Protein backbone atom coordinates (compact mmCIF):
# COMPACT_ATOMS: atom_id res chain seq x y z
CA MET A 1 -53.86 -51.89 -8.48
CA PHE A 2 -51.13 -52.75 -10.98
CA LYS A 3 -48.85 -50.06 -9.50
CA ARG A 4 -49.13 -51.64 -6.06
CA PHE A 5 -48.28 -55.01 -7.56
CA LEU A 6 -45.17 -53.59 -9.21
CA ALA A 7 -44.16 -51.75 -6.04
CA GLY A 8 -44.34 -54.93 -3.94
CA LEU A 9 -42.63 -57.17 -6.53
CA PRO A 10 -39.00 -56.37 -5.53
CA LEU A 11 -39.77 -57.11 -1.90
CA VAL A 12 -41.25 -60.50 -2.80
CA LEU A 13 -38.32 -61.38 -5.06
CA VAL A 14 -35.85 -60.67 -2.25
CA PHE A 15 -37.45 -63.32 -0.08
CA ILE A 16 -38.03 -65.88 -2.86
CA VAL A 17 -34.55 -65.90 -4.44
CA PRO A 18 -32.27 -68.03 -2.26
CA CYS A 19 -29.01 -66.50 -1.22
CA PRO A 20 -25.83 -68.60 -1.43
CA ALA A 21 -24.52 -69.77 1.91
CA GLN A 22 -21.66 -67.71 3.19
CA THR A 23 -18.59 -69.48 4.34
CA ASP A 24 -16.58 -67.79 7.02
CA GLN A 25 -12.86 -68.40 6.96
CA ASN A 26 -12.48 -67.06 10.47
CA PRO A 27 -14.99 -67.94 13.13
CA PRO A 28 -16.32 -64.93 15.03
CA ALA A 29 -14.83 -66.08 18.34
CA ALA A 30 -11.33 -66.43 16.92
CA SER A 31 -10.83 -62.83 15.74
CA PRO A 32 -12.21 -59.69 17.30
CA ASP A 33 -14.34 -57.53 15.03
CA THR A 34 -12.80 -54.10 14.67
CA THR A 35 -15.16 -52.74 12.03
CA ALA A 36 -18.14 -50.75 13.22
CA LYS A 37 -21.41 -52.37 12.49
CA THR A 38 -24.21 -50.17 11.28
CA PRO A 39 -27.67 -51.16 12.38
CA PRO A 40 -29.87 -52.24 9.51
CA GLY A 41 -32.14 -49.40 8.42
CA PRO A 42 -35.86 -49.82 7.95
CA ALA A 43 -36.78 -51.18 4.59
CA ASN A 44 -38.42 -48.34 2.66
CA THR A 45 -40.63 -50.38 0.38
CA ALA A 46 -43.63 -48.06 0.48
CA PRO A 47 -44.13 -46.20 -2.76
CA SER A 48 -43.54 -42.49 -2.57
CA LYS A 49 -46.51 -40.17 -2.52
CA LYS A 50 -47.52 -38.31 -5.64
CA VAL A 51 -46.59 -34.64 -5.60
CA TRP A 52 -49.24 -32.68 -7.46
CA THR A 53 -48.28 -29.69 -9.54
CA ASN A 54 -50.47 -27.26 -11.42
CA ASP A 55 -49.92 -29.22 -14.64
CA ASP A 56 -51.12 -32.45 -13.02
CA ILE A 57 -54.32 -30.94 -11.67
CA HIS A 58 -55.73 -30.13 -15.09
CA LYS A 59 -54.82 -33.58 -16.45
CA GLY A 60 -56.29 -35.53 -13.55
CA THR A 61 -59.86 -36.70 -13.29
CA GLY A 62 -61.94 -36.40 -10.18
CA VAL A 63 -60.02 -33.40 -8.93
CA SER A 64 -62.14 -30.33 -8.35
CA VAL A 65 -60.58 -27.10 -9.47
CA VAL A 66 -62.16 -23.82 -8.48
CA GLY A 67 -62.70 -21.64 -11.49
CA ASP A 68 -62.17 -24.45 -13.97
CA ARG A 69 -63.98 -23.43 -17.13
CA ARG A 70 -64.66 -27.04 -18.07
CA ASN A 71 -66.95 -27.51 -15.06
CA GLN A 72 -69.83 -25.13 -15.72
CA ASN A 73 -72.47 -26.90 -13.61
CA TYR A 74 -72.84 -23.96 -11.25
CA HIS A 75 -73.76 -20.62 -12.72
CA THR A 76 -73.36 -17.65 -10.47
CA SER A 77 -74.84 -14.30 -11.18
CA PRO A 78 -74.26 -11.13 -9.22
CA GLN A 79 -76.91 -10.37 -6.65
CA PRO A 80 -79.08 -7.42 -7.45
CA THR A 81 -78.59 -4.46 -5.17
CA ALA A 82 -81.50 -3.48 -2.99
CA ASP A 83 -83.32 -0.24 -3.55
CA ALA A 84 -82.74 2.71 -1.25
CA ALA A 85 -86.27 2.61 0.21
CA THR A 86 -85.78 -0.94 1.51
CA VAL A 87 -82.40 -0.06 2.99
CA SER A 88 -83.78 3.01 4.77
CA ARG A 89 -86.82 1.06 6.07
CA ILE A 90 -84.66 -1.72 7.52
CA ARG A 91 -82.16 0.79 8.93
CA ALA A 92 -84.96 2.73 10.67
CA SER A 93 -86.40 -0.49 12.13
CA LEU A 94 -82.96 -1.56 13.34
CA ASP A 95 -82.35 1.84 14.97
CA LYS A 96 -85.71 1.63 16.77
CA LEU A 97 -85.05 -1.93 18.00
CA ASN A 98 -81.49 -1.07 19.10
CA THR A 99 -82.83 1.90 21.10
CA GLN A 100 -85.38 -0.36 22.79
CA LEU A 101 -82.69 -2.94 23.49
CA ASP A 102 -80.39 -0.33 25.06
CA ASP A 103 -83.24 0.92 27.27
CA THR A 104 -84.07 -2.65 28.31
CA ASN A 105 -80.41 -3.35 29.14
CA GLN A 106 -80.20 -0.21 31.28
CA ARG A 107 -83.35 -1.08 33.24
CA LEU A 108 -82.18 -4.69 33.61
CA THR A 109 -78.82 -3.56 34.96
CA ALA A 110 -80.49 -1.19 37.43
CA LEU A 111 -82.84 -3.92 38.68
CA LYS A 112 -80.01 -6.45 39.07
CA THR A 113 -77.93 -4.00 41.10
CA PHE A 114 -80.97 -3.22 43.25
CA ALA A 115 -81.62 -6.95 43.78
CA ALA A 116 -77.97 -7.43 44.78
CA GLY A 117 -78.37 -4.81 47.52
CA GLU A 118 -76.16 -2.16 45.96
CA PRO A 119 -77.30 1.48 45.78
CA VAL A 120 -79.02 2.44 42.55
CA LYS A 121 -78.25 5.77 40.92
CA GLU A 122 -81.76 6.32 39.56
CA GLY A 123 -84.95 6.56 41.53
CA GLY A 124 -87.30 3.59 41.51
CA GLN A 125 -90.32 5.65 40.50
CA GLN A 126 -90.97 6.46 36.88
CA ILE A 127 -92.97 9.68 36.75
CA ASP A 128 -94.73 8.97 33.48
CA LYS A 129 -95.70 5.40 34.43
CA GLY A 130 -96.32 5.58 38.17
CA ILE A 131 -95.09 3.16 40.79
CA ASN A 132 -94.37 -0.41 39.71
CA ARG A 133 -95.75 -2.89 42.24
CA VAL A 134 -94.40 -6.00 40.49
CA PRO A 135 -91.68 -7.80 42.51
CA VAL A 136 -88.12 -7.21 41.35
CA ASP A 137 -87.43 -10.83 40.36
CA GLN A 138 -90.52 -10.86 38.13
CA GLN A 139 -89.51 -7.55 36.58
CA ILE A 140 -86.05 -8.98 35.82
CA HIS A 141 -87.63 -12.04 34.21
CA GLN A 142 -89.94 -9.86 32.07
CA LEU A 143 -87.05 -7.68 30.95
CA GLU A 144 -84.92 -10.71 30.05
CA THR A 145 -87.72 -12.18 27.92
CA SER A 146 -88.27 -8.84 26.18
CA LYS A 147 -84.51 -8.58 25.62
CA LYS A 148 -84.47 -12.03 23.95
CA LYS A 149 -87.48 -11.04 21.84
CA LEU A 150 -85.78 -7.81 20.70
CA GLU A 151 -82.56 -9.67 19.84
CA MET A 152 -84.55 -12.17 17.75
CA GLN A 153 -86.29 -9.33 15.90
CA ILE A 154 -82.94 -7.68 15.18
CA GLY A 155 -81.57 -11.00 13.90
CA ASP A 156 -84.62 -11.48 11.67
CA LEU A 157 -84.19 -8.00 10.19
CA LEU A 158 -80.50 -8.65 9.50
CA ASP A 159 -81.40 -11.96 7.81
CA GLU A 160 -84.01 -10.21 5.68
CA ALA A 161 -81.46 -7.60 4.67
CA ARG A 162 -78.91 -10.28 3.78
CA LYS A 163 -81.45 -12.15 1.65
CA LYS A 164 -82.31 -8.96 -0.22
CA GLY A 165 -78.66 -8.33 -1.04
CA ILE A 166 -78.04 -5.46 1.38
CA ASP A 167 -74.49 -5.20 2.65
CA PRO A 168 -74.10 -4.85 6.43
CA GLY A 169 -72.24 -1.58 5.90
CA GLN A 170 -75.34 -0.03 4.32
CA LEU A 171 -77.31 -0.53 7.54
CA ARG A 172 -74.91 1.44 9.74
C-alpha cells in the first residue's frame, strides 16, 4: 500500500505545484515555427513489475517452490511394485477381453456392411451356432452394447492395475 502511495506521489506533485506563466516575446502568428514538434509521449507513471530471480523466490513468502525442503507437509513414498502373480492375472484377463472385443468388432463390421447392402465376405451362417433369426438391426444393437461392456471391463482392469502400482508396460 505504501509503495503505491510513493509511486503516485510524483504524479500528484506535478499537478499541485503551480508552474510560472510563460511569457512569449514573439506571438505564434508573427513568426513561423521551424522547429519540429514532438508529440507528447504517454506518461509512464505505472510502477514497473517485479522481476523474480531464484534468489527472490526463497526469500519471498507465499510463493510455492517445488522441492523446497522447508515445506514438508506432503510426504511421498515410492509405490510398492506389484507381485508377478497379479501382473500375470491382469494381463491374462486383458488378453481375453481384447480377443472378445476384436471378435465383436469384426462381427459388427460384417453386420454393418450387410445392412448397407454391400457384399459380405463371410457367410451368414455360423456352423457351431446355427442360423441366427434375430433381425440385423437388433444384432447390431446387441453387439454395440456388448462392445461398450467389454470396453468398460478393460478400463476397470487398467484402473485396478494402476491402483496396484503396475506400469502399463508390464501389461503388454
